[in-house]
């Protein structure tokens, strides 16, 4: 702003002092009026707030919960794979389909709880009861940690056993 420009405040209105219009007088005798009545009070209000609550509704799709449960189940030692294999599924998974993590997992979803059905193939040599307990614990922990859901039921169906190519103590 040039030095000859002069700013004056108009006190002829009934507005509070901080909301009075500002008049900018220029050398050409033109006056530009700036009146900010809306945002000044908002800025003052915002400066006094330490925390602003933000609300909304979060919906998590059953496929996402299935992917969380499937990934958690596959991290347990003794789990070979989820579900049953098919050629179409194998090709789509290799092409980047998200079904890989949720294959073999079915989800019934409520607001705070979920019922999970998991079809597993286990590795030969691992205890079925111990592996199933570990899968239930891992899935329940992951659902609570990542989605805030309580696993009401985790039903596991063992659909097969994978035998390793080289078995210990086997003569070839």
N, C-alpha and C. Protein backbone atom coordinates (compact mmCIF):
# COMPACT_ATOMS: atom_id res chain seq x y z
N UNK A 1 0.84 -1.17 0.00
CA UNK A 1 0.00 0.00 0.00
C UNK A 1 0.88 1.23 0.00
N UNK A 2 0.57 2.21 -0.82
CA UNK A 2 1.36 3.43 -0.92
C UNK A 2 1.20 4.25 0.34
N UNK A 3 2.19 5.09 0.63
CA UNK A 3 2.15 5.88 1.86
C UNK A 3 1.04 6.91 1.86
N UNK A 4 0.65 7.40 0.66
CA UNK A 4 -0.40 8.41 0.66
C UNK A 4 -1.78 7.79 0.84
N UNK A 5 -1.91 6.46 0.70
CA UNK A 5 -3.19 5.83 0.96
C UNK A 5 -3.49 5.94 2.45
N UNK A 6 -4.72 6.17 2.78
CA UNK A 6 -5.07 6.39 4.17
C UNK A 6 -6.23 5.46 4.54
N UNK A 7 -6.11 4.77 5.65
CA UNK A 7 -7.17 3.86 6.09
C UNK A 7 -7.91 4.52 7.24
N UNK A 8 -9.21 4.58 7.12
CA UNK A 8 -10.03 5.11 8.21
C UNK A 8 -11.10 4.10 8.53
N UNK A 9 -11.60 4.15 9.73
CA UNK A 9 -12.67 3.26 10.13
C UNK A 9 -13.94 4.06 10.28
N UNK A 10 -15.02 3.53 9.79
CA UNK A 10 -16.31 4.18 9.87
C UNK A 10 -16.98 3.77 11.18
N UNK A 11 -17.26 4.73 12.05
CA UNK A 11 -17.89 4.44 13.35
C UNK A 11 -19.37 4.83 13.35
N UNK A 12 -19.96 5.03 12.17
CA UNK A 12 -21.34 5.47 12.10
C UNK A 12 -22.34 4.32 12.14
N UNK A 13 -21.87 3.08 12.19
CA UNK A 13 -22.80 1.95 12.19
C UNK A 13 -22.99 1.43 13.60
N UNK A 14 -23.95 0.54 13.75
CA UNK A 14 -24.23 -0.05 15.06
C UNK A 14 -23.42 -1.33 15.29
N UNK A 15 -22.46 -1.61 14.42
CA UNK A 15 -21.66 -2.84 14.56
C UNK A 15 -20.64 -2.68 15.67
N UNK A 16 -20.24 -3.80 16.32
CA UNK A 16 -19.16 -3.72 17.30
C UNK A 16 -17.88 -3.19 16.65
N UNK A 17 -16.97 -2.69 17.46
CA UNK A 17 -15.75 -2.06 16.95
C UNK A 17 -14.97 -2.99 16.05
N UNK A 18 -14.83 -4.29 16.43
CA UNK A 18 -14.02 -5.20 15.60
C UNK A 18 -14.70 -5.58 14.30
N UNK A 19 -16.01 -5.26 14.14
CA UNK A 19 -16.70 -5.57 12.90
C UNK A 19 -17.03 -4.32 12.09
N UNK A 20 -16.47 -3.20 12.46
CA UNK A 20 -16.70 -1.96 11.73
C UNK A 20 -16.08 -2.07 10.34
N UNK A 21 -16.71 -1.50 9.33
CA UNK A 21 -16.12 -1.53 8.00
C UNK A 21 -14.85 -0.70 7.94
N UNK A 22 -13.91 -1.15 7.16
CA UNK A 22 -12.68 -0.42 6.95
C UNK A 22 -12.78 0.28 5.60
N UNK A 23 -12.49 1.56 5.57
CA UNK A 23 -12.58 2.33 4.33
C UNK A 23 -11.17 2.68 3.91
N UNK A 24 -10.83 2.32 2.69
CA UNK A 24 -9.52 2.63 2.13
C UNK A 24 -9.70 3.81 1.19
N UNK A 25 -9.07 4.95 1.54
CA UNK A 25 -9.16 6.13 0.70
C UNK A 25 -7.92 6.20 -0.17
N UNK A 26 -8.13 6.31 -1.45
CA UNK A 26 -7.01 6.37 -2.39
C UNK A 26 -6.86 7.80 -2.88
N UNK A 27 -5.69 8.14 -3.46
CA UNK A 27 -5.47 9.53 -3.92
C UNK A 27 -6.48 9.96 -4.98
N UNK A 28 -7.07 9.05 -5.69
CA UNK A 28 -8.03 9.42 -6.73
C UNK A 28 -9.40 9.72 -6.14
N UNK A 29 -9.51 9.81 -4.83
CA UNK A 29 -10.75 10.10 -4.10
C UNK A 29 -11.79 9.00 -4.23
N UNK A 30 -11.34 7.82 -4.54
CA UNK A 30 -12.25 6.69 -4.55
C UNK A 30 -12.13 6.00 -3.20
N UNK A 31 -13.23 5.56 -2.69
CA UNK A 31 -13.22 4.84 -1.42
C UNK A 31 -13.65 3.39 -1.67
N UNK A 32 -12.88 2.46 -1.12
CA UNK A 32 -13.21 1.05 -1.20
C UNK A 32 -13.59 0.62 0.21
N UNK A 33 -14.74 0.02 0.36
CA UNK A 33 -15.21 -0.38 1.68
C UNK A 33 -15.03 -1.88 1.83
N UNK A 34 -14.32 -2.29 2.87
CA UNK A 34 -14.15 -3.69 3.22
C UNK A 34 -14.90 -3.91 4.53
N UNK A 35 -15.88 -4.75 4.50
CA UNK A 35 -16.63 -5.02 5.71
C UNK A 35 -16.66 -6.53 5.93
N UNK A 36 -16.04 -6.98 6.97
CA UNK A 36 -15.98 -8.40 7.30
C UNK A 36 -16.77 -8.61 8.57
N UNK A 37 -17.98 -9.08 8.43
CA UNK A 37 -18.80 -9.31 9.62
C UNK A 37 -18.94 -10.79 9.92
N UNK A 38 -18.84 -11.62 8.92
CA UNK A 38 -19.08 -13.04 9.13
C UNK A 38 -17.87 -13.74 9.74
N UNK A 39 -16.71 -13.55 9.17
CA UNK A 39 -15.55 -14.36 9.55
C UNK A 39 -14.81 -13.88 10.79
N UNK A 40 -14.93 -12.62 11.16
CA UNK A 40 -14.23 -12.16 12.36
C UNK A 40 -14.72 -12.88 13.61
N UNK A 41 -16.02 -13.00 13.74
CA UNK A 41 -16.54 -13.71 14.91
C UNK A 41 -16.17 -15.20 14.84
N UNK A 42 -16.15 -15.75 13.63
CA UNK A 42 -15.78 -17.16 13.46
C UNK A 42 -14.31 -17.38 13.82
N UNK A 43 -13.44 -16.48 13.40
CA UNK A 43 -12.01 -16.59 13.73
C UNK A 43 -11.79 -16.49 15.23
N UNK A 44 -12.52 -15.58 15.88
CA UNK A 44 -12.39 -15.44 17.32
C UNK A 44 -12.86 -16.70 18.03
N UNK A 45 -13.97 -17.25 17.56
CA UNK A 45 -14.49 -18.49 18.13
C UNK A 45 -13.51 -19.64 17.94
N UNK A 46 -12.91 -19.72 16.76
CA UNK A 46 -11.95 -20.80 16.47
C UNK A 46 -10.69 -20.68 17.32
N UNK A 47 -10.27 -19.46 17.63
CA UNK A 47 -9.05 -19.29 18.42
C UNK A 47 -9.24 -19.74 19.86
N UNK A 48 -10.48 -19.84 20.31
CA UNK A 48 -10.75 -20.26 21.68
C UNK A 48 -10.98 -21.76 21.81
N UNK A 49 -11.05 -22.46 20.68
CA UNK A 49 -11.31 -23.90 20.70
C UNK A 49 -9.98 -24.65 20.63
N UNK A 50 -9.80 -25.60 21.56
CA UNK A 50 -8.59 -26.42 21.56
C UNK A 50 -8.79 -27.68 20.72
N UNK A 51 -10.02 -28.16 20.67
CA UNK A 51 -10.30 -29.42 19.98
C UNK A 51 -11.63 -29.29 19.25
N UNK A 52 -11.63 -29.73 18.01
CA UNK A 52 -12.85 -29.67 17.22
C UNK A 52 -13.31 -31.11 16.95
N UNK A 53 -14.46 -31.49 17.50
CA UNK A 53 -14.95 -32.85 17.26
C UNK A 53 -15.48 -32.97 15.83
N UNK A 54 -15.15 -34.08 15.20
CA UNK A 54 -15.62 -34.36 13.85
C UNK A 54 -16.40 -35.66 13.89
N UNK A 55 -17.62 -35.63 13.44
CA UNK A 55 -18.46 -36.81 13.48
C UNK A 55 -18.65 -37.42 12.11
N UNK A 56 -19.36 -38.48 12.08
CA UNK A 56 -19.65 -39.16 10.82
C UNK A 56 -19.89 -40.63 11.08
N UNK A 57 -20.19 -41.33 10.02
CA UNK A 57 -20.45 -42.77 10.10
C UNK A 57 -19.41 -43.50 9.26
N UNK A 58 -18.82 -44.54 9.82
CA UNK A 58 -17.86 -45.36 9.11
C UNK A 58 -18.48 -46.71 8.84
N UNK A 59 -18.49 -47.10 7.59
CA UNK A 59 -18.99 -48.42 7.21
C UNK A 59 -17.84 -49.23 6.64
N UNK A 60 -17.62 -50.40 7.21
CA UNK A 60 -16.57 -51.30 6.72
C UNK A 60 -17.27 -52.44 5.99
N UNK A 61 -16.90 -52.64 4.76
CA UNK A 61 -17.52 -53.68 3.94
C UNK A 61 -17.13 -55.07 4.43
N UNK A 62 -18.00 -56.05 4.29
CA UNK A 62 -17.69 -57.42 4.70
C UNK A 62 -16.45 -57.98 4.01
N UNK A 63 -16.18 -57.58 2.76
CA UNK A 63 -14.98 -58.04 2.07
C UNK A 63 -13.71 -57.57 2.76
N UNK A 64 -13.75 -56.38 3.34
CA UNK A 64 -12.58 -55.86 4.07
C UNK A 64 -12.37 -56.66 5.34
N UNK A 65 -13.45 -56.94 6.05
CA UNK A 65 -13.35 -57.76 7.26
C UNK A 65 -12.86 -59.16 6.89
N UNK A 66 -13.34 -59.69 5.77
CA UNK A 66 -12.89 -61.00 5.30
C UNK A 66 -11.40 -61.00 4.97
N UNK A 67 -10.92 -59.91 4.37
CA UNK A 67 -9.50 -59.81 4.05
C UNK A 67 -8.65 -59.74 5.32
N UNK A 68 -9.12 -58.99 6.32
CA UNK A 68 -8.39 -58.91 7.60
C UNK A 68 -8.35 -60.28 8.25
N UNK A 69 -9.48 -60.96 8.31
CA UNK A 69 -9.54 -62.29 8.93
C UNK A 69 -8.70 -63.30 8.15
N UNK A 70 -8.78 -63.25 6.82
CA UNK A 70 -8.00 -64.18 6.00
C UNK A 70 -6.51 -63.99 6.15
N UNK A 71 -6.08 -62.74 6.15
CA UNK A 71 -4.65 -62.46 6.32
C UNK A 71 -4.18 -62.92 7.70
N UNK A 72 -4.97 -62.64 8.72
CA UNK A 72 -4.62 -63.06 10.08
C UNK A 72 -4.51 -64.58 10.17
N UNK A 73 -5.44 -65.29 9.54
CA UNK A 73 -5.41 -66.75 9.59
C UNK A 73 -4.18 -67.31 8.88
N UNK A 74 -3.79 -66.69 7.78
CA UNK A 74 -2.64 -67.20 7.02
C UNK A 74 -1.31 -66.93 7.70
N UNK A 75 -1.28 -66.06 8.70
CA UNK A 75 -0.01 -65.81 9.42
C UNK A 75 0.26 -66.85 10.50
N UNK A 76 -0.72 -67.69 10.77
CA UNK A 76 -0.54 -68.71 11.82
C UNK A 76 0.26 -69.88 11.25
N UNK A 77 1.31 -70.33 11.95
CA UNK A 77 2.06 -71.50 11.49
C UNK A 77 1.17 -72.73 11.44
N UNK A 78 1.26 -73.47 10.36
CA UNK A 78 0.45 -74.66 10.18
C UNK A 78 -0.70 -74.45 9.21
N UNK A 79 -0.99 -73.21 8.86
CA UNK A 79 -2.04 -72.93 7.88
C UNK A 79 -1.40 -72.89 6.50
N UNK A 80 -1.86 -73.78 5.62
CA UNK A 80 -1.31 -73.84 4.27
C UNK A 80 -1.97 -72.81 3.36
N UNK A 81 -3.31 -72.76 3.40
CA UNK A 81 -4.04 -71.81 2.55
C UNK A 81 -5.47 -71.70 3.04
N UNK A 82 -6.19 -70.77 2.45
CA UNK A 82 -7.60 -70.59 2.76
C UNK A 82 -8.45 -71.16 1.65
N UNK A 83 -9.58 -71.72 2.00
CA UNK A 83 -10.53 -72.17 1.01
C UNK A 83 -10.04 -73.34 0.20
N UNK A 84 -10.76 -73.60 -0.88
CA UNK A 84 -10.38 -74.66 -1.80
C UNK A 84 -9.88 -74.02 -3.08
N UNK A 85 -8.94 -74.66 -3.71
CA UNK A 85 -8.32 -74.10 -4.91
C UNK A 85 -9.20 -74.35 -6.13
N UNK A 86 -9.19 -73.39 -7.03
CA UNK A 86 -9.82 -73.57 -8.33
C UNK A 86 -8.97 -72.81 -9.34
N UNK A 87 -9.01 -73.22 -10.57
CA UNK A 87 -8.20 -72.60 -11.61
C UNK A 87 -8.57 -71.14 -11.80
N UNK A 88 -9.85 -70.82 -11.86
CA UNK A 88 -10.30 -69.44 -12.06
C UNK A 88 -9.82 -68.54 -10.92
N UNK A 89 -9.97 -69.02 -9.69
CA UNK A 89 -9.55 -68.26 -8.52
C UNK A 89 -8.05 -68.03 -8.52
N UNK A 90 -7.29 -69.07 -8.83
CA UNK A 90 -5.83 -68.95 -8.85
C UNK A 90 -5.37 -67.92 -9.88
N UNK A 91 -5.99 -67.91 -11.06
CA UNK A 91 -5.61 -66.94 -12.10
C UNK A 91 -5.98 -65.53 -11.67
N UNK A 92 -7.18 -65.34 -11.13
CA UNK A 92 -7.58 -63.99 -10.73
C UNK A 92 -6.72 -63.46 -9.58
N UNK A 93 -6.31 -64.33 -8.67
CA UNK A 93 -5.45 -63.90 -7.57
C UNK A 93 -4.08 -63.48 -8.08
N UNK A 94 -3.56 -64.21 -9.06
CA UNK A 94 -2.25 -63.85 -9.61
C UNK A 94 -2.30 -62.55 -10.40
N UNK A 95 -3.48 -62.22 -10.91
CA UNK A 95 -3.65 -60.96 -11.64
C UNK A 95 -3.93 -59.79 -10.71
N UNK A 96 -3.90 -60.02 -9.42
CA UNK A 96 -4.03 -58.93 -8.46
C UNK A 96 -5.40 -58.77 -7.83
N UNK A 97 -6.24 -59.74 -7.92
CA UNK A 97 -7.56 -59.65 -7.32
C UNK A 97 -7.43 -59.63 -5.79
N UNK A 98 -8.32 -58.90 -5.15
CA UNK A 98 -8.31 -58.83 -3.69
C UNK A 98 -8.87 -60.09 -3.05
N UNK A 99 -9.42 -61.00 -3.86
CA UNK A 99 -10.01 -62.22 -3.31
C UNK A 99 -8.98 -63.10 -2.61
N UNK A 100 -7.72 -62.90 -2.89
CA UNK A 100 -6.69 -63.77 -2.32
C UNK A 100 -6.78 -63.82 -0.80
N UNK A 101 -6.98 -62.67 -0.18
CA UNK A 101 -6.98 -62.64 1.27
C UNK A 101 -8.32 -63.06 1.85
N UNK A 102 -9.38 -62.89 1.11
CA UNK A 102 -10.69 -63.23 1.67
C UNK A 102 -11.25 -64.54 1.13
N UNK A 103 -10.50 -65.22 0.30
CA UNK A 103 -10.97 -66.51 -0.21
C UNK A 103 -11.12 -67.48 0.95
N UNK A 104 -12.21 -68.18 0.98
CA UNK A 104 -12.45 -69.14 2.05
C UNK A 104 -12.96 -68.51 3.33
N UNK A 105 -13.30 -67.21 3.27
CA UNK A 105 -13.79 -66.51 4.46
C UNK A 105 -15.16 -65.93 4.15
N UNK A 106 -16.12 -66.21 5.00
CA UNK A 106 -17.45 -65.61 4.90
C UNK A 106 -17.71 -64.80 6.15
N UNK A 107 -18.36 -63.65 5.97
CA UNK A 107 -18.54 -62.71 7.08
C UNK A 107 -20.00 -62.32 7.21
N UNK A 108 -20.51 -62.38 8.43
CA UNK A 108 -21.78 -61.76 8.79
C UNK A 108 -21.41 -60.60 9.69
N UNK A 109 -21.78 -59.40 9.28
CA UNK A 109 -21.29 -58.20 9.95
C UNK A 109 -22.42 -57.44 10.63
N UNK A 110 -22.20 -57.10 11.88
CA UNK A 110 -23.10 -56.22 12.62
C UNK A 110 -22.40 -54.89 12.86
N UNK A 111 -22.98 -54.06 13.71
CA UNK A 111 -22.38 -52.75 14.00
C UNK A 111 -21.11 -52.89 14.85
N UNK A 112 -21.13 -53.84 15.81
CA UNK A 112 -19.99 -53.98 16.72
C UNK A 112 -19.43 -55.40 16.77
N UNK A 113 -20.11 -56.34 16.13
CA UNK A 113 -19.71 -57.74 16.19
C UNK A 113 -19.67 -58.34 14.79
N UNK A 114 -18.95 -59.44 14.70
CA UNK A 114 -18.89 -60.15 13.42
C UNK A 114 -18.88 -61.66 13.69
N UNK A 115 -19.48 -62.39 12.77
CA UNK A 115 -19.41 -63.85 12.78
C UNK A 115 -18.61 -64.23 11.54
N UNK A 116 -17.54 -64.98 11.75
CA UNK A 116 -16.61 -65.33 10.68
C UNK A 116 -16.63 -66.84 10.48
N UNK A 117 -16.74 -67.25 9.22
CA UNK A 117 -16.60 -68.66 8.84
C UNK A 117 -15.37 -68.77 7.96
N UNK A 118 -14.43 -69.63 8.36
CA UNK A 118 -13.16 -69.76 7.63
C UNK A 118 -12.96 -71.21 7.21
N UNK A 119 -12.64 -71.40 5.93
CA UNK A 119 -12.27 -72.72 5.41
C UNK A 119 -10.75 -72.74 5.27
N UNK A 120 -10.09 -73.71 5.93
CA UNK A 120 -8.63 -73.77 5.96
C UNK A 120 -8.10 -75.08 5.39
N UNK A 121 -6.94 -74.97 4.80
CA UNK A 121 -6.12 -76.14 4.48
C UNK A 121 -4.92 -76.05 5.41
N UNK A 122 -4.63 -77.13 6.11
CA UNK A 122 -3.53 -77.15 7.07
C UNK A 122 -2.33 -77.90 6.50
N UNK A 123 -1.19 -77.65 7.12
CA UNK A 123 0.05 -78.35 6.75
C UNK A 123 0.13 -79.62 7.59
N UNK A 124 0.45 -80.73 6.92
CA UNK A 124 0.59 -82.00 7.62
C UNK A 124 1.69 -81.89 8.67
N UNK A 125 1.43 -82.41 9.85
CA UNK A 125 2.42 -82.42 10.92
C UNK A 125 2.07 -81.44 12.03
N UNK A 126 1.16 -80.52 11.79
CA UNK A 126 0.72 -79.58 12.83
C UNK A 126 -0.54 -80.12 13.48
N UNK A 127 -0.67 -79.90 14.77
CA UNK A 127 -1.84 -80.32 15.51
C UNK A 127 -3.06 -79.51 15.06
N UNK A 128 -4.11 -80.21 14.67
CA UNK A 128 -5.31 -79.52 14.20
C UNK A 128 -5.93 -78.68 15.33
N UNK A 129 -6.17 -79.24 16.51
CA UNK A 129 -6.77 -78.41 17.57
C UNK A 129 -5.92 -77.19 17.94
N UNK A 130 -4.60 -77.37 18.05
CA UNK A 130 -3.72 -76.24 18.41
C UNK A 130 -3.72 -75.16 17.33
N UNK A 131 -3.70 -75.60 16.08
CA UNK A 131 -3.70 -74.64 14.97
C UNK A 131 -5.02 -73.89 14.91
N UNK A 132 -6.13 -74.58 15.10
CA UNK A 132 -7.45 -73.94 15.07
C UNK A 132 -7.57 -72.91 16.19
N UNK A 133 -7.09 -73.24 17.39
CA UNK A 133 -7.13 -72.30 18.51
C UNK A 133 -6.28 -71.07 18.20
N UNK A 134 -5.10 -71.29 17.63
CA UNK A 134 -4.22 -70.17 17.28
C UNK A 134 -4.86 -69.28 16.21
N UNK A 135 -5.53 -69.89 15.23
CA UNK A 135 -6.21 -69.12 14.18
C UNK A 135 -7.33 -68.27 14.80
N UNK A 136 -8.14 -68.88 15.66
CA UNK A 136 -9.23 -68.12 16.31
C UNK A 136 -8.68 -66.92 17.08
N UNK A 137 -7.63 -67.15 17.85
CA UNK A 137 -7.05 -66.06 18.64
C UNK A 137 -6.48 -64.96 17.75
N UNK A 138 -5.77 -65.34 16.69
CA UNK A 138 -5.16 -64.36 15.79
C UNK A 138 -6.23 -63.55 15.05
N UNK A 139 -7.26 -64.21 14.57
CA UNK A 139 -8.34 -63.52 13.84
C UNK A 139 -9.10 -62.58 14.77
N UNK A 140 -9.44 -63.05 15.96
CA UNK A 140 -10.17 -62.21 16.92
C UNK A 140 -9.35 -60.97 17.28
N UNK A 141 -8.05 -61.15 17.51
CA UNK A 141 -7.18 -60.02 17.85
C UNK A 141 -7.09 -59.03 16.69
N UNK A 142 -6.93 -59.53 15.48
CA UNK A 142 -6.82 -58.65 14.31
C UNK A 142 -8.11 -57.89 14.05
N UNK A 143 -9.25 -58.54 14.16
CA UNK A 143 -10.53 -57.86 13.96
C UNK A 143 -10.72 -56.74 14.97
N UNK A 144 -10.35 -57.01 16.21
CA UNK A 144 -10.51 -55.97 17.23
C UNK A 144 -9.52 -54.83 17.01
N UNK A 145 -8.28 -55.18 16.72
CA UNK A 145 -7.22 -54.18 16.56
C UNK A 145 -7.44 -53.29 15.33
N UNK A 146 -7.80 -53.88 14.21
CA UNK A 146 -7.86 -53.12 12.96
C UNK A 146 -9.24 -52.56 12.64
N UNK A 147 -10.31 -53.19 13.14
CA UNK A 147 -11.65 -52.73 12.78
C UNK A 147 -12.52 -52.40 13.99
N UNK A 148 -12.02 -52.68 15.20
CA UNK A 148 -12.80 -52.40 16.39
C UNK A 148 -14.00 -53.32 16.55
N UNK A 149 -13.94 -54.50 15.93
CA UNK A 149 -15.05 -55.45 16.00
C UNK A 149 -14.74 -56.59 16.95
N UNK A 150 -15.75 -57.04 17.65
CA UNK A 150 -15.63 -58.21 18.50
C UNK A 150 -16.08 -59.41 17.69
N UNK A 151 -15.26 -60.44 17.68
CA UNK A 151 -15.61 -61.67 16.97
C UNK A 151 -16.56 -62.48 17.86
N UNK A 152 -17.83 -62.46 17.49
CA UNK A 152 -18.83 -63.20 18.27
C UNK A 152 -18.63 -64.70 18.09
N UNK A 153 -18.36 -65.12 16.84
CA UNK A 153 -18.07 -66.52 16.53
C UNK A 153 -17.00 -66.55 15.45
N UNK A 154 -16.08 -67.50 15.56
CA UNK A 154 -15.14 -67.78 14.49
C UNK A 154 -15.24 -69.28 14.24
N UNK A 155 -15.97 -69.64 13.20
CA UNK A 155 -16.21 -71.04 12.85
C UNK A 155 -15.16 -71.45 11.82
N UNK A 156 -14.46 -72.54 12.13
CA UNK A 156 -13.38 -73.00 11.25
C UNK A 156 -13.71 -74.38 10.72
N UNK A 157 -13.57 -74.51 9.43
CA UNK A 157 -13.78 -75.80 8.77
C UNK A 157 -12.48 -76.18 8.09
N UNK A 158 -11.89 -77.28 8.51
CA UNK A 158 -10.66 -77.77 7.89
C UNK A 158 -11.06 -78.54 6.64
N UNK A 159 -10.67 -78.02 5.46
CA UNK A 159 -11.11 -78.60 4.19
C UNK A 159 -10.02 -79.43 3.52
N UNK A 160 -8.83 -79.48 4.11
CA UNK A 160 -7.78 -80.28 3.50
C UNK A 160 -6.47 -80.19 4.26
N UNK A 161 -5.57 -81.10 3.89
CA UNK A 161 -4.22 -81.10 4.48
C UNK A 161 -3.24 -81.12 3.34
N UNK A 162 -2.25 -80.24 3.41
CA UNK A 162 -1.19 -80.22 2.40
C UNK A 162 0.02 -80.96 2.95
N UNK A 163 0.52 -81.90 2.14
CA UNK A 163 1.70 -82.65 2.54
C UNK A 163 2.93 -81.98 1.93
N UNK A 164 3.96 -81.77 2.74
CA UNK A 164 5.19 -81.18 2.19
C UNK A 164 5.82 -82.14 1.18
N UNK A 165 6.55 -81.58 0.23
CA UNK A 165 7.19 -82.41 -0.80
C UNK A 165 8.22 -83.35 -0.19
N UNK A 166 9.00 -82.84 0.74
CA UNK A 166 10.00 -83.69 1.40
C UNK A 166 9.55 -83.89 2.84
N UNK A 167 9.25 -85.12 3.17
CA UNK A 167 8.84 -85.43 4.52
C UNK A 167 10.06 -85.93 5.29
N UNK A 168 10.27 -85.49 6.50
CA UNK A 168 11.40 -85.96 7.28
C UNK A 168 11.32 -87.48 7.52
N UNK A 169 12.45 -88.15 7.39
CA UNK A 169 12.53 -89.59 7.64
C UNK A 169 12.06 -90.44 6.48
N UNK A 170 11.83 -89.83 5.37
CA UNK A 170 11.37 -90.56 4.19
C UNK A 170 12.54 -90.90 3.29
N UNK A 171 12.62 -92.13 2.83
CA UNK A 171 13.69 -92.55 1.93
C UNK A 171 13.21 -92.37 0.51
N UNK A 172 14.05 -91.71 -0.29
CA UNK A 172 13.67 -91.51 -1.70
C UNK A 172 14.52 -92.34 -2.59
